[in-house]
Amino acid sequence: AAVYINIGLLYSDQLNYKKSKEYNLKAIKIAEEIDHKSKIALINLNLGAIYARKGDKETALEYYLKALEYYENKEKYDELITLYNNIGDNNIENALEYYHKSLNIAKRNNDSIELARIYHKLAGYFNSFNIKDSAYFYADKAYLIATKFNKFSYISETSLLLYKLNYKDKNFEKACIYLDKH
């Protein structure tokens, strides 16, 4: 099963989701035959990511929720944060609930980098609903952490979000500052 999983990941990296799905389905069949629960959960996580990348949020969510059953019982920190964020990304109705679950784990484990990522997600969520105060609040928190730890991809993403927020509010001078940092 592990070889099929790895081949599936390679195809996914190449954006060949059809082949990636094919190999993940081969892997899950083997994992189910031997009742290897951790592999089944991992494959469900992979399949969810494939469907999310293809824009099929409903099917992605089904696979993520299957994986979640296993990881919540094992309290696996990295996988739970990833799953909670992925579920939030693919389920707007419950996004806040899942983002806050991942936020609580990151805070409990003093994981600043994850905090920056989750704050950015929260800022984007609030921005999409035009809840400016919360969008700015979380974007500023994400930006501060990203700059503190020199996480350039997060600095870039959050700068772009802060640019958009300020531009929308006609704070053009501040928008330009963030655009330069992007």
Protein backbone atom coordinates (compact mmCIF):
# COMPACT_ATOMS: atom_id res chain seq x y z
CA ALA A 1 0.00 0.00 0.00
CA ALA A 2 2.85 2.39 0.86
CA VAL A 3 4.31 2.20 -2.64
CA TYR A 4 0.93 2.98 -4.20
CA ILE A 5 0.52 5.91 -1.82
CA ASN A 6 3.89 7.31 -2.84
CA ILE A 7 3.14 6.85 -6.54
CA GLY A 8 -0.19 8.59 -5.98
CA LEU A 9 1.60 11.51 -4.32
CA LEU A 10 4.00 11.79 -7.24
CA TYR A 11 1.12 11.95 -9.69
CA SER A 12 -0.63 14.50 -7.50
CA ASP A 13 2.51 16.66 -7.48
CA GLN A 14 2.44 16.46 -11.29
CA LEU A 15 -1.23 17.56 -11.22
CA ASN A 16 -2.28 14.23 -12.71
CA TYR A 17 -5.20 13.71 -10.36
CA LYS A 18 -6.74 10.88 -12.35
CA LYS A 19 -3.62 8.73 -11.93
CA SER A 20 -3.16 9.88 -8.34
CA LYS A 21 -6.70 8.82 -7.50
CA GLU A 22 -6.15 5.49 -9.26
CA TYR A 23 -3.09 4.66 -7.14
CA ASN A 24 -4.68 5.87 -3.91
CA LEU A 25 -7.69 3.64 -4.59
CA LYS A 26 -5.34 0.67 -5.13
CA ALA A 27 -3.63 1.54 -1.86
CA ILE A 28 -6.85 1.84 0.10
CA LYS A 29 -8.03 -1.54 -1.16
CA ILE A 30 -4.90 -3.18 0.22
CA ALA A 31 -5.04 -1.19 3.47
CA GLU A 32 -8.67 -2.20 3.99
CA GLU A 33 -7.89 -5.87 3.33
CA ILE A 34 -5.32 -5.88 6.12
CA ASP A 35 -7.30 -3.40 8.27
CA HIS A 36 -4.41 -0.91 8.45
CA LYS A 37 -6.36 1.99 9.94
CA SER A 38 -3.59 4.60 9.87
CA LYS A 39 -2.94 3.95 6.17
CA ILE A 40 -6.67 4.09 5.42
CA ALA A 41 -6.86 7.48 7.17
CA LEU A 42 -3.81 8.77 5.28
CA ILE A 43 -5.23 7.65 1.96
CA ASN A 44 -8.57 9.29 2.75
CA LEU A 45 -6.65 12.49 3.49
CA ASN A 46 -4.86 12.17 0.12
CA LEU A 47 -8.11 11.49 -1.74
CA GLY A 48 -9.71 14.49 -0.07
CA ALA A 49 -6.84 16.66 -1.26
CA ILE A 50 -7.22 15.35 -4.81
CA TYR A 51 -10.92 16.21 -4.90
CA ALA A 52 -10.31 19.59 -3.27
CA ARG A 53 -7.72 20.47 -5.92
CA LYS A 54 -10.21 19.44 -8.62
CA GLY A 55 -12.81 21.78 -7.07
CA ASP A 56 -15.12 19.00 -5.84
CA LYS A 57 -15.50 20.26 -2.28
CA GLU A 58 -18.34 17.90 -1.39
CA THR A 59 -16.40 14.73 -2.21
CA ALA A 60 -13.24 16.20 -0.64
CA LEU A 61 -15.18 16.80 2.55
CA GLU A 62 -16.44 13.20 2.59
CA TYR A 63 -12.89 11.87 2.47
CA TYR A 64 -11.61 14.38 5.02
CA LEU A 65 -14.35 13.41 7.46
CA LYS A 66 -13.47 9.72 7.06
CA ALA A 67 -9.84 10.51 7.87
CA LEU A 68 -10.89 12.70 10.79
CA GLU A 69 -12.55 9.78 12.58
CA TYR A 70 -9.18 8.06 12.88
CA TYR A 71 -7.02 11.09 13.66
CA GLU A 72 -9.31 12.52 16.35
CA ASN A 73 -9.11 9.22 18.24
CA LYS A 74 -5.32 9.20 17.99
CA GLU A 75 -4.93 12.92 18.74
CA LYS A 76 -2.28 13.30 16.05
CA TYR A 77 -1.39 16.98 16.14
CA ASP A 78 -0.06 17.58 12.62
CA GLU A 79 -2.74 15.56 10.89
CA LEU A 80 -5.53 17.14 12.94
CA ILE A 81 -4.45 20.68 12.12
CA THR A 82 -4.21 19.78 8.43
CA LEU A 83 -7.59 18.08 8.47
CA TYR A 84 -9.37 20.81 10.41
CA ASN A 85 -7.99 23.43 8.02
CA ASN A 86 -8.91 21.35 4.97
CA ILE A 87 -12.42 20.77 6.28
CA GLY A 88 -12.77 24.49 6.96
CA ASP A 89 -11.50 25.29 3.46
CA ASN A 90 -14.08 22.97 1.90
CA ASN A 91 -17.06 23.62 4.17
CA ILE A 92 -17.86 27.33 4.47
CA GLU A 93 -20.84 26.67 6.76
CA ASN A 94 -18.60 25.14 9.43
CA ALA A 95 -15.30 26.78 8.51
CA LEU A 96 -15.01 28.87 11.68
CA GLU A 97 -15.59 25.85 13.89
CA TYR A 98 -12.82 23.87 12.21
CA TYR A 99 -10.39 26.80 11.95
CA HIS A 100 -10.83 27.39 15.67
CA LYS A 101 -10.18 23.72 16.40
CA SER A 102 -6.89 23.91 14.52
CA LEU A 103 -6.14 27.26 16.19
CA ASN A 104 -6.60 25.72 19.64
CA ILE A 105 -4.20 22.88 18.84
CA ALA A 106 -1.59 25.29 17.46
CA LYS A 107 -1.88 27.49 20.57
CA ARG A 108 -1.68 24.50 22.90
CA ASN A 109 1.49 23.34 21.13
CA ASN A 110 3.02 26.83 20.79
CA ASP A 111 3.27 26.36 17.04
CA SER A 112 3.73 29.90 15.78
CA ILE A 113 4.04 28.96 12.13
CA GLU A 114 0.72 27.12 12.18
CA LEU A 115 -0.80 30.06 14.04
CA ALA A 116 0.25 32.36 11.22
CA ARG A 117 -1.31 30.05 8.65
CA ILE A 118 -4.57 29.72 10.60
CA TYR A 119 -4.79 33.45 11.29
CA HIS A 120 -4.39 34.01 7.55
CA LYS A 121 -7.24 31.57 6.86
CA LEU A 122 -9.42 33.34 9.41
CA ALA A 123 -8.61 36.72 7.88
CA GLY A 124 -9.55 35.41 4.46
CA TYR A 125 -12.76 33.93 5.82
CA PHE A 126 -13.83 37.21 7.43
CA ASN A 127 -12.78 39.16 4.35
CA SER A 128 -15.01 36.97 2.17
CA PHE A 129 -17.96 38.02 4.34
CA ASN A 130 -16.80 41.65 4.43
CA ILE A 131 -16.29 41.58 8.21
CA LYS A 132 -13.45 44.06 8.07
CA ASP A 133 -12.48 44.38 11.73
CA SER A 134 -11.98 40.64 12.12
CA ALA A 135 -10.25 40.35 8.74
CA TYR A 136 -7.74 43.06 9.69
CA PHE A 137 -7.32 41.61 13.19
CA TYR A 138 -6.35 38.16 11.97
CA ALA A 139 -4.36 39.39 8.97
CA ASP A 140 -2.27 41.62 11.25
CA LYS A 141 -1.64 38.70 13.63
CA ALA A 142 -0.62 36.46 10.73
CA TYR A 143 1.66 39.13 9.31
CA LEU A 144 3.40 39.78 12.65
CA ILE A 145 4.16 36.11 13.19
CA ALA A 146 5.25 35.57 9.59
CA THR A 147 7.69 38.49 9.74
CA LYS A 148 8.99 37.45 13.17
CA PHE A 149 9.92 34.02 11.81
CA ASN A 150 10.86 35.17 8.28
CA LYS A 151 8.31 32.87 6.63
CA PHE A 152 8.43 34.51 3.23
CA SER A 153 5.51 32.64 1.67
CA TYR A 154 3.26 33.65 4.59
CA ILE A 155 4.59 37.21 4.50
CA SER A 156 3.77 37.36 0.80
CA GLU A 157 0.29 35.86 1.14
CA THR A 158 -0.64 38.00 4.11
CA SER A 159 0.81 41.15 2.55
CA LEU A 160 -1.38 40.56 -0.47
CA LEU A 161 -4.43 40.12 1.75
CA LEU A 162 -3.61 43.28 3.70
CA TYR A 163 -3.10 45.11 0.40
CA LYS A 164 -6.57 44.02 -0.77
CA LEU A 165 -8.19 44.97 2.55
CA ASN A 166 -6.60 48.41 2.56
CA TYR A 167 -7.29 48.99 -1.13
CA LYS A 168 -10.94 48.09 -0.64
CA ASP A 169 -11.08 50.62 2.23
CA LYS A 170 -9.39 53.23 0.02
CA ASN A 171 -6.31 53.32 2.27
CA PHE A 172 -4.14 53.52 -0.83
CA GLU A 173 -0.93 54.57 0.89
CA LYS A 174 -1.07 51.61 3.29
CA ALA A 175 -2.18 49.32 0.45
CA CYS A 176 0.94 50.25 -1.52
CA ILE A 177 3.17 49.48 1.46
CA TYR A 178 1.76 45.95 1.64
CA LEU A 179 1.89 45.51 -2.10
CA ASP A 180 5.61 46.32 -2.00
CA LYS A 181 6.08 43.61 0.66
CA HIS A 182 4.21 41.09 -1.46
